Amino acid sequence: MTEDRDTPTTLVLERTPVDGNCPRCGAEELRRYPVVSEGGWFQVLKCQNCLLSLDRSPWSRLGPIQLLTDLL
């Protein structure tokens, strides 16, 4: 088995567009996406122009990883 070392692995984070305007800069570039910080995983709503945080809600404890026990 050979590895293709010329092809870089790229992770892409999908940022879901949200309708509305930023209250700070007026841009129509609001996106919702997961982030991890010292408090764990959160879903945030941020302006992509000025990076103002409009919402920050706790998300699942392991972020994108879902355990079978969490589904019970």
Protein backbone atom coordinates (compact mmCIF):
# COMPACT_ATOMS: atom_id res chain seq x y z
CA MET A 1 0.00 0.00 0.00
CA THR A 2 1.41 3.40 -0.93
CA GLU A 3 0.53 6.79 0.48
CA ASP A 4 0.04 9.86 -1.64
CA ARG A 5 2.15 12.37 0.27
CA ASP A 6 1.57 15.10 -2.32
CA THR A 7 -2.12 15.47 -1.44
CA PRO A 8 -2.62 17.55 1.72
CA THR A 9 -5.46 16.68 4.05
CA THR A 10 -7.80 19.63 4.42
CA LEU A 11 -10.52 19.94 7.02
CA VAL A 12 -13.44 22.10 5.98
CA LEU A 13 -15.83 23.59 8.50
CA GLU A 14 -19.30 24.23 7.13
CA ARG A 15 -20.59 27.62 8.24
CA THR A 16 -24.35 27.77 7.80
CA PRO A 17 -25.62 31.12 6.47
CA VAL A 18 -28.25 32.87 8.62
CA ASP A 19 -30.58 35.61 7.39
CA GLY A 20 -30.13 39.02 8.97
CA ASN A 21 -27.76 41.95 9.38
CA CYS A 22 -24.98 42.51 11.88
CA PRO A 23 -26.01 45.14 14.45
CA ARG A 24 -22.43 46.48 14.58
CA CYS A 25 -21.35 46.76 10.92
CA GLY A 26 -24.60 46.10 9.01
CA ALA A 27 -23.11 43.28 6.90
CA GLU A 28 -25.37 40.46 5.73
CA GLU A 29 -22.70 37.86 6.46
CA LEU A 30 -24.03 35.99 9.50
CA ARG A 31 -22.98 32.35 9.92
CA ARG A 32 -23.69 29.63 12.50
CA TYR A 33 -20.98 27.04 13.24
CA PRO A 34 -19.44 24.97 16.07
CA VAL A 35 -16.41 26.14 18.08
CA VAL A 36 -14.50 24.66 21.00
CA SER A 37 -13.20 26.73 23.91
CA GLU A 38 -12.16 26.28 27.52
CA GLY A 39 -15.83 25.67 28.39
CA GLY A 40 -16.35 22.91 25.82
CA TRP A 41 -18.19 22.90 22.50
CA PHE A 42 -20.56 25.71 21.51
CA GLN A 43 -22.68 26.65 18.50
CA VAL A 44 -22.00 30.30 17.69
CA LEU A 45 -23.62 32.87 15.44
CA LYS A 46 -21.03 35.36 14.22
CA CYS A 47 -20.71 38.14 11.69
CA GLN A 48 -18.06 37.08 9.21
CA ASN A 49 -17.19 40.71 8.45
CA CYS A 50 -16.44 42.13 11.93
CA LEU A 51 -16.55 38.82 13.96
CA LEU A 52 -19.18 40.09 16.40
CA SER A 53 -20.70 37.16 18.34
CA LEU A 54 -24.50 37.35 18.27
CA ASP A 55 -25.20 34.03 20.01
CA ARG A 56 -23.25 31.30 21.82
CA SER A 57 -25.11 28.16 22.91
CA PRO A 58 -23.70 24.99 24.51
CA TRP A 59 -23.39 22.10 22.05
CA SER A 60 -22.78 18.37 22.57
CA ARG A 61 -19.99 17.50 24.98
CA LEU A 62 -17.81 15.89 22.29
CA GLY A 63 -18.71 18.29 19.49
CA PRO A 64 -19.21 16.48 16.20
CA ILE A 65 -18.62 13.04 17.77
CA GLN A 66 -21.86 11.34 18.78
CA LEU A 67 -21.76 8.37 21.15
CA LEU A 68 -24.39 5.64 21.04
CA THR A 69 -25.07 6.22 24.75
CA ASP A 70 -26.07 9.83 23.95
CA LEU A 71 -28.85 8.48 21.72
CA LEU A 72 -30.46 6.36 24.45
